[in-house]
Amino acid sequence: MSRHRVFVYGSCVSRDTFEHLDPDRFELVQYVARQSALSAYTRPVTLVDPPRLDSPFQQRMVSGDFASSLQTLVPEAAHQTDVVLVDLVDERLGAYVLPDGSVVTRSTELVGSGAEHHLPAGSQHLPFGSEQHYQYWVQGIAAVGALVRQHMPHAAVLLLDVPWAERSEAGAATPSSYGTEAREANALFGRYTAAAAQALDATRVALDPEDVVSSPAHPWGDAPFHYAAGVYRRLADLVVGAVGTRQVLSSERDRRSPATGRLADGPNFLILGAHRSGTAWLQERLNDHDDVFVAPSTAATVLTSAEKIADPAERRAYARVFDGAAKARLRGQRSHLFFWPVADGPFGRGRDDSAAIARDHLPEDTRYLLSLRDPVSRAISAYWQSVAMGAVPPTTSLFAAGSLRGILGVGFYRQLHRHWATTVGEDRISVLLYDDLASDPATYLDAAFDALGLPAAGRPALDAASSSPVNRNTSARLMRSAAPFSPAELQILVELYRPDIEYVESLTGRDLTSWRDVDHLAEINR
C-alpha cells in the first residue's frame, strides 16, 4: 500500500503530530516553519539579511521566511503531496512590516538572535491578535489557500485546532510564552483558526481544552503548546481518520443563473463599480448624451440576484425600465454591487455572481466599464460614508468594520477583475482610473465614450457644475477631516492592497506609485 505524502506548514505542533503517525502509511515531503502567512504572501525580504544561527534547521527555516519560500515550495512539492498539515502556533508573536512592504515573521529565532533590533528604520511590528494584524493576516492566509488549491487541488488540507494547555500532565500551571498565558492565547487564536479553516478549505482536527496537557519534559522545553505524548497520539489518530474519510470537493459555490434566456431590450453595457470611485458621476454624464440611457441604479437588483433574474415577473418589470429608451443606441446599468466578491470571506459575505448573470442574460457584445480608485482612499471613503449613514458606529475602527458593506473587500481588485475577465472576457472590460477623473474629467469621460464606441461628434461638453465629482455627503467629509487616519494605519492598508495595486499597474500600464505613497494618501484623505 502506498504511503500518504505529507506537506507540513506550521510549528512543532504539526511536526510532532506527524512523528506519531505510522511511518509505513505516512511520509514527510516538506516542512515549512517559522513563516507567517503574512510573510508567505508578500515579497521576499531584500532590505536586510536573515540572522546567522547555529542550528542548520533554524537557519533554513528563518532564511525561508525571509525568502517567502512557501510560494515556491508548494508548486515544487505539488505532484508528490497528498496531505497538507497546518497549524498556526508560529503566528503567535506577530510580524514586522518593512518599509518596502516585505514582511518578516517575529519568530523566536528573530527575537533570540537580537535581529529584530536591526531591522530597517520604519519597520512596524504588528502584534498577534491586534485588529491591524488580523485584517492584514486574513488576506495572507487567503493567498496561501489560493496557492494550495491551485497547485494541490486533490490534497486533503488538515488544520490542527489544538488549544494551548493550561495544565501540565502533572497538574501544574503551564508557563506563559513571551508573556502570553494559555487562556489568553486560546481567546486570540479563535478567529484566526476560523479564518484559516475557511481560507484553506480545511478539515479541522480539533481537541477540547480539557483533553490537552503539556509535558515539562518535552524535547523543546516547557511550553503550553509542547504537549504530552498522549495528546500527539490522539491527534495522530484524528489525522488518520480525517485522511481516510475526507472527500475532496470543490469549495466554489455553483452560482450559475438558470437558463432563462437573454433579456430583450435591456442593457448592453454595465458600469461595474468600484464603489466610491466616481461611478455616480459617470452615470450622470453618460446620461447627458442623446444616444445613451443609463437606468437608475435602484433597478439593478435583477442583475445582482440569481433568484430575481429567474423570475419572469421581475424580468418583465425590469424590461419596463427601458421602455423610454428605445431610441438610445446604448442602454446601461450601474451598480456598485456588480463588482463584489462572490464567495464568503473574512471581509464579508459574498453575493450572487453578477458576472455569470451578465454572461448568461445580457447580449454577447455587452461592454463593461470599470472605474478604479486607489484602494486605500476608496476604503476610507466607504468607511466614512457608512459611518455617516449610521451603518457603522463612529466608535468602530475601519479595521473592525472591514467586513461590513464591502469596506475592505471591494478593494481586492486583482481577484474581482480576474473573475469578471474570465467570466465575460477581458477584452470587453475597459478600466478607467479615478485619478484621471480627479485631474482631467473631460479626458476621463472621453475614455468612457471611446470604450462604448461613441464618436466624438455629439458628445456633450462639461459645464462648470458637472466638471468634477463632488462628495455629496457633507457629514462624511467633515468626519473624515476631523479624524484623519494615521500614517501607520495608511501603511497597513497599502500593504494589504499592494498586490492589487501592482495588478492594476500591469493591467493599465500606468505608474501608480502615488497609490503606495503614504504621505500622498495622508494628504488627499484629510
Protein backbone atom coordinates (compact mmCIF):
# COMPACT_ATOMS: atom_id res chain seq x y z
CA MET A 1 0.00 0.00 0.00
CA SER A 2 1.38 3.43 -0.96
CA ARG A 3 2.07 5.96 1.76
CA HIS A 4 0.32 9.30 2.21
CA ARG A 5 2.77 12.08 1.40
CA VAL A 6 2.54 14.98 3.86
CA PHE A 7 3.46 18.63 3.43
CA VAL A 8 3.70 20.31 6.85
CA TYR A 9 3.18 24.08 7.11
CA GLY A 10 3.30 25.04 10.74
CA SER A 11 5.11 24.70 14.03
CA CYS A 12 6.41 21.84 16.14
CA VAL A 13 2.77 21.01 16.88
CA SER A 14 2.26 19.70 13.34
CA ARG A 15 5.76 18.24 13.15
CA ASP A 16 5.40 16.35 16.45
CA THR A 17 1.96 15.11 15.41
CA PHE A 18 3.48 13.79 12.20
CA GLU A 19 6.11 11.91 14.24
CA HIS A 20 3.29 9.92 15.87
CA LEU A 21 1.86 8.78 12.52
CA ASP A 22 2.62 5.27 11.26
CA PRO A 23 5.76 5.61 9.07
CA ASP A 24 4.53 2.74 6.93
CA ARG A 25 1.50 4.84 5.98
CA PHE A 26 2.78 8.43 6.04
CA GLU A 27 5.94 10.10 4.76
CA LEU A 28 7.11 13.72 5.05
CA VAL A 29 7.80 15.51 1.76
CA GLN A 30 8.30 19.08 3.01
CA TYR A 31 8.31 21.06 6.25
CA VAL A 32 7.88 24.86 6.36
CA ALA A 33 8.04 26.51 9.78
CA ARG A 34 8.65 29.98 11.25
CA GLN A 35 6.85 31.54 8.28
CA SER A 36 3.71 33.56 8.89
CA ALA A 37 1.03 33.64 6.23
CA LEU A 38 1.90 37.34 6.00
CA SER A 39 5.48 36.53 5.04
CA ALA A 40 4.44 33.70 2.72
CA TYR A 41 2.05 36.04 0.92
CA THR A 42 4.31 39.06 0.43
CA ARG A 43 7.52 39.75 -1.47
CA PRO A 44 10.86 38.30 -0.30
CA VAL A 45 12.90 40.43 2.07
CA THR A 46 15.81 42.25 0.40
CA LEU A 47 16.40 45.17 2.77
CA VAL A 48 18.17 43.06 5.39
CA ASP A 49 19.80 39.63 5.56
CA PRO A 50 18.48 36.88 7.85
CA PRO A 51 20.33 36.39 11.11
CA ARG A 52 23.15 33.84 11.33
CA LEU A 53 22.08 30.93 13.52
CA ASP A 54 23.93 27.91 14.88
CA SER A 55 21.19 25.38 14.15
CA PRO A 56 21.03 24.35 10.45
CA PHE A 57 17.31 23.66 10.81
CA GLN A 58 16.59 27.06 12.36
CA GLN A 59 18.79 28.76 9.76
CA ARG A 60 16.90 27.05 6.94
CA MET A 61 13.50 27.99 8.36
CA VAL A 62 14.33 31.63 9.08
CA SER A 63 16.06 32.05 5.72
CA GLY A 64 12.94 30.58 4.14
CA ASP A 65 10.84 33.13 5.97
CA PHE A 66 12.95 35.99 4.59
CA ALA A 67 12.65 34.42 1.10
CA SER A 68 8.85 33.88 1.38
CA SER A 69 9.71 30.34 0.35
CA LEU A 70 6.22 28.86 0.65
CA GLN A 71 5.40 30.49 -2.69
CA THR A 72 7.92 28.23 -4.44
CA LEU A 73 7.86 25.15 -2.19
CA VAL A 74 4.15 24.48 -2.69
CA PRO A 75 4.40 24.27 -6.51
CA GLU A 76 7.60 22.22 -6.25
CA ALA A 77 6.01 19.62 -3.96
CA ALA A 78 2.59 19.65 -5.59
CA HIS A 79 2.99 16.44 -7.59
CA GLN A 80 4.05 14.48 -4.51
CA THR A 81 1.66 15.78 -1.84
CA ASP A 82 -1.49 14.02 -0.64
CA VAL A 83 -1.97 15.76 2.70
CA VAL A 84 -1.24 19.33 3.83
CA LEU A 85 -0.96 19.55 7.62
CA VAL A 86 -1.24 23.08 9.05
CA ASP A 87 -1.18 24.77 12.45
CA LEU A 88 -0.95 28.44 13.44
CA VAL A 89 1.31 28.46 16.52
CA ASP A 90 4.16 30.19 14.66
CA GLU A 91 1.88 33.22 14.20
CA ARG A 92 1.87 33.90 17.95
CA LEU A 93 4.49 36.68 18.07
CA GLY A 94 3.13 38.68 15.15
CA ALA A 95 5.20 40.04 12.29
CA TYR A 96 7.20 43.05 11.13
CA VAL A 97 6.20 45.01 8.03
CA LEU A 98 9.34 46.51 6.48
CA PRO A 99 9.32 49.88 4.68
CA ASP A 100 9.15 48.26 1.23
CA GLY A 101 6.13 46.13 2.16
CA SER A 102 8.01 42.88 2.71
CA VAL A 103 7.29 41.00 5.93
CA VAL A 104 9.43 39.19 8.49
CA THR A 105 7.84 36.77 10.93
CA ARG A 106 8.63 37.62 14.54
CA SER A 107 9.91 34.14 15.30
CA THR A 108 11.67 33.01 18.45
CA GLU A 109 14.89 32.98 16.41
CA LEU A 110 14.41 36.60 15.32
CA VAL A 111 13.88 37.60 18.93
CA GLY A 112 16.58 35.37 20.45
CA SER A 113 19.27 36.43 17.98
CA GLY A 114 18.54 40.12 18.54
CA ALA A 115 17.93 40.53 14.80
CA GLU A 116 14.61 42.28 15.37
CA HIS A 117 16.55 45.23 16.76
CA HIS A 118 18.45 45.59 13.49
CA LEU A 119 15.54 45.71 11.07
CA PRO A 120 15.41 48.76 8.77
CA ALA A 121 14.19 52.05 10.20
CA GLY A 122 10.47 52.41 9.71
CA SER A 123 9.71 48.71 10.22
CA GLN A 124 6.43 48.24 12.06
CA HIS A 125 5.56 45.41 14.43
CA LEU A 126 2.04 44.04 14.06
CA PRO A 127 1.23 42.26 17.34
CA PHE A 128 -0.66 39.00 17.02
CA GLY A 129 -4.31 39.50 17.91
CA SER A 130 -4.39 43.21 17.08
CA GLU A 131 -7.05 44.31 14.62
CA GLN A 132 -4.45 45.53 12.15
CA HIS A 133 -2.58 42.22 12.25
CA TYR A 134 -5.76 40.21 11.83
CA GLN A 135 -7.13 42.20 8.92
CA TYR A 136 -3.80 42.01 7.11
CA TRP A 137 -3.25 38.36 8.03
CA VAL A 138 -6.58 37.12 6.68
CA GLN A 139 -5.55 38.36 3.25
CA GLY A 140 -2.31 36.44 3.65
CA ILE A 141 -3.96 33.17 4.64
CA ALA A 142 -6.43 33.62 1.78
CA ALA A 143 -3.48 33.86 -0.62
CA VAL A 144 -1.95 30.72 0.92
CA GLY A 145 -5.27 28.94 0.44
CA ALA A 146 -5.40 30.00 -3.21
CA LEU A 147 -1.82 28.81 -3.69
CA VAL A 148 -2.60 25.38 -2.24
CA ARG A 149 -5.83 24.99 -4.21
CA GLN A 150 -4.09 25.99 -7.44
CA HIS A 151 -1.21 23.55 -7.13
CA MET A 152 -2.60 20.83 -4.84
CA PRO A 153 -6.30 20.63 -5.75
CA HIS A 154 -6.60 16.97 -4.74
CA ALA A 155 -4.70 17.15 -1.46
CA ALA A 156 -6.54 16.87 1.85
CA VAL A 157 -5.86 20.02 3.88
CA LEU A 158 -6.00 19.43 7.64
CA LEU A 159 -5.87 22.26 10.19
CA LEU A 160 -4.79 21.35 13.71
CA ASP A 161 -7.07 23.24 16.08
CA VAL A 162 -5.44 22.47 19.41
CA PRO A 163 -5.78 24.80 22.39
CA TRP A 164 -2.75 25.70 24.44
CA ALA A 165 -2.62 23.58 27.57
CA GLU A 166 -3.36 25.38 30.82
CA ARG A 167 -2.02 22.46 32.88
CA SER A 168 0.85 20.04 32.57
CA GLU A 169 0.40 16.27 32.82
CA ALA A 170 1.45 16.63 36.47
CA GLY A 171 -1.33 19.17 37.10
CA ALA A 172 0.88 22.26 37.40
CA ALA A 173 0.01 25.52 35.61
CA THR A 174 1.84 25.92 32.32
CA PRO A 175 4.27 28.82 31.90
CA SER A 176 3.47 31.78 29.74
CA SER A 177 5.06 32.10 26.31
CA TYR A 178 6.62 35.55 25.75
CA GLY A 179 4.20 36.97 28.28
CA THR A 180 1.07 35.28 26.91
CA GLU A 181 -0.85 32.82 29.10
CA ALA A 182 -2.61 29.81 27.63
CA ARG A 183 -6.09 31.14 28.36
CA GLU A 184 -5.29 34.46 26.68
CA ALA A 185 -3.74 32.76 23.65
CA ASN A 186 -6.73 30.49 23.16
CA ALA A 187 -9.05 33.51 23.10
CA LEU A 188 -6.87 35.22 20.49
CA PHE A 189 -6.47 32.19 18.23
CA GLY A 190 -10.20 31.54 17.84
CA ARG A 191 -10.95 33.89 14.96
CA TYR A 192 -7.63 33.15 13.26
CA THR A 193 -8.40 29.45 13.24
CA ALA A 194 -11.89 30.06 11.85
CA ALA A 195 -10.50 32.30 9.09
CA ALA A 196 -7.78 29.76 8.24
CA ALA A 197 -10.23 26.87 8.03
CA GLN A 198 -12.33 28.84 5.57
CA ALA A 199 -9.44 30.20 3.52
CA LEU A 200 -7.73 26.82 3.22
CA ASP A 201 -10.97 24.86 2.78
CA ALA A 202 -9.51 22.72 5.54
CA THR A 203 -10.85 19.95 7.73
CA ARG A 204 -10.33 20.88 11.35
CA VAL A 205 -8.59 18.34 13.55
CA ALA A 206 -9.63 19.61 16.96
CA LEU A 207 -9.26 18.78 20.63
CA ASP A 208 -11.12 20.27 23.58
CA PRO A 209 -9.22 22.24 26.24
CA GLU A 210 -9.81 19.53 28.85
CA ASP A 211 -8.14 16.98 26.54
CA VAL A 212 -4.76 18.72 26.32
CA VAL A 213 -1.91 18.78 28.81
CA SER A 214 1.68 19.84 28.37
CA SER A 215 4.84 17.92 29.09
CA PRO A 216 7.53 19.82 31.01
CA ALA A 217 9.97 17.15 29.77
CA HIS A 218 9.21 17.88 26.09
CA PRO A 219 12.40 17.90 23.97
CA TRP A 220 11.83 21.54 23.01
CA GLY A 221 11.23 22.71 26.57
CA ASP A 222 8.28 23.55 28.81
CA ALA A 223 5.57 25.49 26.95
CA PRO A 224 1.76 25.36 26.75
CA PHE A 225 1.96 24.09 23.15
CA HIS A 226 4.54 21.36 23.87
CA TYR A 227 2.13 18.58 24.63
CA ALA A 228 2.32 15.23 26.40
CA ALA A 229 2.77 12.17 24.19
CA GLY A 230 -0.84 11.09 24.69
CA VAL A 231 -2.06 14.33 23.12
CA TYR A 232 0.01 13.73 19.99
CA ARG A 233 -1.21 10.14 19.76
CA ARG A 234 -4.80 11.38 19.90
CA LEU A 235 -4.09 13.96 17.20
CA ALA A 236 -2.42 11.33 15.04
CA ASP A 237 -5.50 9.11 15.32
CA LEU A 238 -7.70 12.03 14.28
CA VAL A 239 -5.44 12.81 11.33
CA VAL A 240 -5.67 9.18 10.15
CA GLY A 241 -9.43 9.32 10.42
CA ALA A 242 -9.67 12.63 8.58
CA VAL A 243 -7.46 11.43 5.75
CA GLY A 244 -9.46 8.24 5.43
CA THR A 245 -12.89 9.86 5.27
CA ARG A 246 -12.33 13.27 3.71
CA GLN A 247 -13.85 13.61 0.27
CA VAL A 248 -12.11 16.21 -1.87
CA LEU A 249 -14.84 18.55 -3.07
CA SER A 250 -14.75 21.87 -4.83
CA SER A 251 -15.33 24.71 -2.37
CA GLU A 252 -16.55 27.11 -5.01
CA ARG A 253 -20.31 27.57 -4.88
CA ASP A 254 -22.20 26.99 -8.08
CA ARG A 255 -23.87 30.32 -8.68
CA ARG A 256 -24.74 29.98 -12.38
CA SER A 257 -28.04 31.56 -13.27
CA PRO A 258 -30.87 29.38 -14.58
CA ALA A 259 -31.04 29.26 -18.36
CA THR A 260 -33.98 31.63 -18.74
CA GLY A 261 -32.75 33.35 -21.88
CA ARG A 262 -31.28 36.75 -22.62
CA LEU A 263 -33.04 39.95 -21.67
CA ALA A 264 -34.73 41.64 -24.60
CA ASP A 265 -34.10 45.38 -24.95
CA GLY A 266 -32.29 45.53 -21.62
CA PRO A 267 -28.82 46.97 -21.02
CA ASN A 268 -25.97 46.47 -23.47
CA PHE A 269 -23.35 47.99 -21.20
CA LEU A 270 -22.74 47.97 -17.46
CA ILE A 271 -20.90 50.29 -15.10
CA LEU A 272 -19.45 47.74 -12.72
CA GLY A 273 -18.01 49.95 -9.99
CA ALA A 274 -15.94 50.12 -7.96
CA HIS A 275 -17.89 51.58 -5.08
CA ARG A 276 -16.78 55.13 -4.17
CA SER A 277 -14.87 55.50 -7.43
CA GLY A 278 -16.81 58.12 -9.36
CA THR A 279 -19.40 55.89 -10.98
CA ALA A 280 -22.40 58.02 -9.95
CA TRP A 281 -20.80 61.00 -11.69
CA LEU A 282 -20.04 58.82 -14.72
CA GLN A 283 -23.67 57.67 -14.90
CA GLU A 284 -24.93 61.24 -14.84
CA ARG A 285 -22.52 62.41 -17.55
CA LEU A 286 -23.25 59.46 -19.83
CA ASN A 287 -26.95 60.18 -19.49
CA ASP A 288 -26.28 63.66 -20.88
CA HIS A 289 -25.56 62.03 -24.27
CA ASP A 290 -28.54 61.73 -26.62
CA ASP A 291 -27.59 58.20 -27.65
CA VAL A 292 -27.18 56.88 -24.11
CA PHE A 293 -29.65 55.84 -21.45
CA VAL A 294 -28.42 54.60 -18.06
CA ALA A 295 -31.16 53.14 -15.86
CA PRO A 296 -31.46 54.19 -12.23
CA SER A 297 -29.12 52.18 -10.02
CA THR A 298 -32.10 51.06 -7.92
CA ALA A 299 -33.24 48.93 -10.86
CA ALA A 300 -30.06 46.87 -10.90
CA THR A 301 -31.16 44.29 -8.32
CA VAL A 302 -32.40 41.94 -11.03
CA LEU A 303 -28.82 41.66 -12.29
CA THR A 304 -27.38 41.04 -8.82
CA SER A 305 -29.78 38.30 -7.77
CA ALA A 306 -29.95 34.80 -9.25
CA GLU A 307 -33.45 34.47 -7.82
CA LYS A 308 -34.76 37.65 -9.44
CA ILE A 309 -33.23 37.06 -12.86
CA ALA A 310 -35.01 33.70 -12.92
CA ASP A 311 -38.38 35.25 -12.05
CA PRO A 312 -40.42 36.13 -15.19
CA ALA A 313 -42.29 38.89 -13.34
CA GLU A 314 -39.03 40.51 -12.22
CA ARG A 315 -37.66 40.31 -15.77
CA ARG A 316 -40.78 41.96 -17.21
CA ALA A 317 -40.65 44.71 -14.62
CA TYR A 318 -37.00 45.32 -15.42
CA ALA A 319 -37.70 45.48 -19.14
CA ARG A 320 -40.20 48.25 -18.49
CA VAL A 321 -37.39 50.41 -17.04
CA PHE A 322 -36.03 50.65 -20.59
CA ASP A 323 -39.38 51.35 -22.32
CA GLY A 324 -38.48 55.01 -22.84
CA ALA A 325 -35.01 54.23 -24.14
CA ALA A 326 -35.95 52.71 -27.49
CA LYS A 327 -34.11 55.44 -29.40
CA ALA A 328 -30.94 55.16 -27.34
CA ARG A 329 -28.29 53.07 -29.07
CA LEU A 330 -26.58 52.40 -25.74
CA ARG A 331 -28.58 51.28 -22.73
CA GLY A 332 -26.69 50.96 -19.48
CA GLN A 333 -26.99 49.92 -15.87
CA ARG A 334 -24.84 50.93 -12.92
CA SER A 335 -24.46 49.19 -9.58
CA HIS A 336 -21.54 49.02 -7.18
CA LEU A 337 -22.80 45.54 -6.26
CA PHE A 338 -21.66 44.20 -9.64
CA PHE A 339 -18.01 44.45 -8.63
CA TRP A 340 -18.29 42.47 -5.43
CA PRO A 341 -16.83 39.23 -4.03
CA VAL A 342 -18.79 36.09 -4.86
CA ALA A 343 -17.52 33.86 -2.08
CA ASP A 344 -17.90 34.46 1.63
CA GLY A 345 -14.64 35.52 3.23
CA PRO A 346 -13.11 37.26 6.22
CA PHE A 347 -14.01 40.64 4.70
CA GLY A 348 -17.70 39.93 4.40
CA ARG A 349 -20.35 37.79 2.80
CA GLY A 350 -20.36 37.06 -0.89
CA ARG A 351 -23.18 37.94 -3.24
CA ASP A 352 -24.75 36.22 -6.21
CA ASP A 353 -22.44 36.10 -9.21
CA SER A 354 -23.32 39.17 -11.29
CA ALA A 355 -20.64 38.28 -13.84
CA ALA A 356 -22.33 34.95 -14.54
CA ILE A 357 -25.74 36.63 -14.68
CA ALA A 358 -24.41 39.16 -17.20
CA ARG A 359 -22.77 36.44 -19.27
CA ASP A 360 -25.93 34.37 -19.43
CA HIS A 361 -28.60 37.05 -19.74
CA LEU A 362 -27.16 40.11 -21.48
CA PRO A 363 -26.14 40.41 -25.16
CA GLU A 364 -22.90 38.69 -26.05
CA ASP A 365 -21.35 42.01 -27.14
CA THR A 366 -22.15 43.80 -23.88
CA ARG A 367 -19.45 46.25 -22.81
CA TYR A 368 -18.29 46.81 -19.23
CA LEU A 369 -16.86 49.99 -17.71
CA LEU A 370 -14.83 49.66 -14.53
CA SER A 371 -13.66 52.74 -12.65
CA LEU A 372 -10.89 52.05 -10.12
CA ARG A 373 -9.69 54.38 -7.38
CA ASP A 374 -6.63 53.83 -5.24
CA PRO A 375 -7.93 51.12 -2.89
CA VAL A 376 -6.77 52.84 0.30
CA SER A 377 -8.73 56.04 -0.39
CA ARG A 378 -11.65 54.00 -1.66
CA ALA A 379 -11.80 52.03 1.61
CA ILE A 380 -11.54 55.20 3.69
CA SER A 381 -14.31 56.85 1.66
CA ALA A 382 -16.56 53.78 2.01
CA TYR A 383 -15.89 53.67 5.74
CA TRP A 384 -16.80 57.31 6.40
CA GLN A 385 -19.88 57.03 4.19
CA SER A 386 -21.01 54.03 6.25
CA VAL A 387 -20.40 55.93 9.48
CA ALA A 388 -22.32 58.96 8.21
CA MET A 389 -25.25 56.74 7.18
CA GLY A 390 -25.36 55.13 10.62
CA ALA A 391 -24.46 51.69 9.28
CA VAL A 392 -21.20 51.67 11.26
CA PRO A 393 -20.90 53.15 14.78
CA PRO A 394 -18.44 56.07 14.85
CA THR A 395 -16.51 54.32 17.64
CA THR A 396 -15.79 51.33 15.38
CA SER A 397 -12.47 51.48 13.53
CA LEU A 398 -12.15 50.86 9.82
CA PHE A 399 -10.32 47.61 10.53
CA ALA A 400 -13.02 46.36 12.88
CA ALA A 401 -15.71 47.36 10.36
CA GLY A 402 -13.79 45.95 7.41
CA SER A 403 -16.18 43.05 6.82
CA LEU A 404 -19.18 45.38 6.52
CA ARG A 405 -20.59 46.89 3.33
CA GLY A 406 -17.56 45.99 1.21
CA ILE A 407 -15.37 48.49 3.04
CA LEU A 408 -12.24 46.39 2.60
CA GLY A 409 -13.35 43.51 0.38
CA VAL A 410 -14.13 45.57 -2.74
CA GLY A 411 -10.53 46.81 -2.84
CA PHE A 412 -9.11 43.43 -3.83
CA TYR A 413 -9.11 44.42 -7.46
CA ARG A 414 -6.97 41.55 -8.71
CA GLN A 415 -9.41 38.89 -7.53
CA LEU A 416 -12.54 40.74 -8.65
CA HIS A 417 -11.23 41.81 -12.06
CA ARG A 418 -9.92 38.32 -12.81
CA HIS A 419 -13.31 36.86 -12.01
CA TRP A 420 -15.11 39.21 -14.38
CA ALA A 421 -12.42 38.79 -17.05
CA THR A 422 -12.61 35.00 -17.04
CA THR A 423 -16.42 35.07 -16.98
CA VAL A 424 -17.28 37.62 -19.69
CA GLY A 425 -13.92 38.10 -21.45
CA GLU A 426 -11.18 40.56 -20.54
CA ASP A 427 -11.36 42.32 -23.91
CA ARG A 428 -14.89 43.53 -23.10
CA ILE A 429 -13.88 45.30 -19.88
CA SER A 430 -12.50 48.84 -20.08
CA VAL A 431 -10.66 50.10 -17.00
CA LEU A 432 -10.85 53.80 -16.12
CA LEU A 433 -8.85 55.40 -13.31
CA TYR A 434 -10.37 57.74 -10.78
CA ASP A 435 -7.06 59.65 -10.81
CA ASP A 436 -7.95 60.86 -14.31
CA LEU A 437 -11.42 61.89 -13.21
CA ALA A 438 -9.91 63.96 -10.41
CA SER A 439 -7.27 65.62 -12.60
CA ASP A 440 -8.98 65.87 -16.02
CA PRO A 441 -12.68 64.94 -16.02
CA ALA A 442 -13.12 65.62 -19.74
CA THR A 443 -10.38 63.16 -20.69
CA TYR A 444 -11.80 60.58 -18.28
CA LEU A 445 -15.26 60.96 -19.81
CA ASP A 446 -13.87 60.76 -23.34
CA ALA A 447 -12.20 57.47 -22.43
CA ALA A 448 -15.59 56.13 -21.35
CA PHE A 449 -17.22 57.30 -24.58
CA ASP A 450 -14.38 55.73 -26.59
CA ALA A 451 -14.83 52.42 -24.75
CA LEU A 452 -18.52 52.46 -25.68
CA GLY A 453 -17.76 53.24 -29.31
CA LEU A 454 -19.43 56.65 -29.38
CA PRO A 455 -17.96 59.06 -31.96
CA ALA A 456 -16.53 62.41 -30.90
CA ALA A 457 -19.37 64.24 -32.63
CA GLY A 458 -22.37 64.57 -30.36
CA ARG A 459 -20.53 64.22 -27.09
CA PRO A 460 -21.86 66.76 -24.57
CA ALA A 461 -19.46 69.35 -23.18
CA LEU A 462 -18.89 69.57 -19.48
CA ASP A 463 -20.12 72.73 -17.81
CA ALA A 464 -18.74 74.19 -14.58
CA ALA A 465 -21.35 72.46 -12.42
CA SER A 466 -20.65 68.99 -13.79
CA SER A 467 -16.96 69.16 -14.49
CA SER A 468 -15.81 67.19 -11.46
CA PRO A 469 -17.21 64.72 -8.93
CA VAL A 470 -18.37 66.09 -5.59
CA ASN A 471 -18.69 64.22 -2.32
CA ARG A 472 -22.33 64.95 -1.66
CA ASN A 473 -22.20 63.55 1.85
CA THR A 474 -21.16 66.59 3.88
CA SER A 475 -21.23 64.67 7.17
CA ALA A 476 -18.80 62.07 5.87
CA ARG A 477 -16.49 64.77 4.56
CA LEU A 478 -16.46 66.62 7.87
CA MET A 479 -15.90 63.48 9.94
CA ARG A 480 -13.01 62.44 7.70
CA SER A 481 -11.37 65.83 8.14
CA ALA A 482 -11.83 65.73 11.91
CA ALA A 483 -10.34 62.25 12.37
CA PRO A 484 -7.73 61.55 9.71
CA PHE A 485 -6.06 58.17 9.52
CA SER A 486 -2.55 57.89 10.95
CA PRO A 487 0.46 57.10 8.74
CA ALA A 488 0.73 53.68 10.43
CA GLU A 489 -2.89 52.85 9.56
CA LEU A 490 -2.39 54.02 5.98
CA GLN A 491 0.74 51.87 5.68
CA ILE A 492 -1.21 48.79 6.79
CA LEU A 493 -3.81 49.47 4.12
CA VAL A 494 -1.11 49.96 1.49
CA GLU A 495 0.42 46.60 2.35
CA LEU A 496 -2.99 44.96 2.38
CA TYR A 497 -3.61 46.14 -1.18
CA ARG A 498 -0.06 46.11 -2.57
CA PRO A 499 -0.66 43.06 -4.85
CA ASP A 500 -3.84 44.67 -6.16
CA ILE A 501 -2.07 47.96 -6.88
CA GLU A 502 0.65 46.12 -8.77
CA TYR A 503 -2.04 44.21 -10.69
CA VAL A 504 -3.74 47.43 -11.81
CA GLU A 505 -0.36 48.83 -12.86
CA SER A 506 0.17 45.76 -15.04
CA LEU A 507 -3.40 45.92 -16.35
CA THR A 508 -3.26 49.58 -17.36
CA GLY A 509 0.45 50.11 -18.00
CA ARG A 510 0.32 53.09 -15.63
CA ASP A 511 2.75 54.05 -12.88
CA LEU A 512 0.63 54.10 -9.72
CA THR A 513 3.36 54.96 -7.25
CA SER A 514 1.03 57.51 -5.64
CA TRP A 515 -1.30 54.68 -4.63
CA ARG A 516 1.51 53.39 -2.38
CA ASP A 517 2.75 56.77 -1.14
CA VAL A 518 1.64 57.17 2.47
CA ASP A 519 2.37 60.91 2.56
CA HIS A 520 0.27 61.46 -0.57
CA LEU A 521 -2.54 59.30 0.79
CA ALA A 522 -2.50 61.21 4.07
CA GLU A 523 -2.78 64.50 2.17
CA ILE A 524 -5.72 63.52 -0.05
CA ASN A 525 -7.67 61.82 2.75
CA ARG A 526 -7.72 64.73 5.19
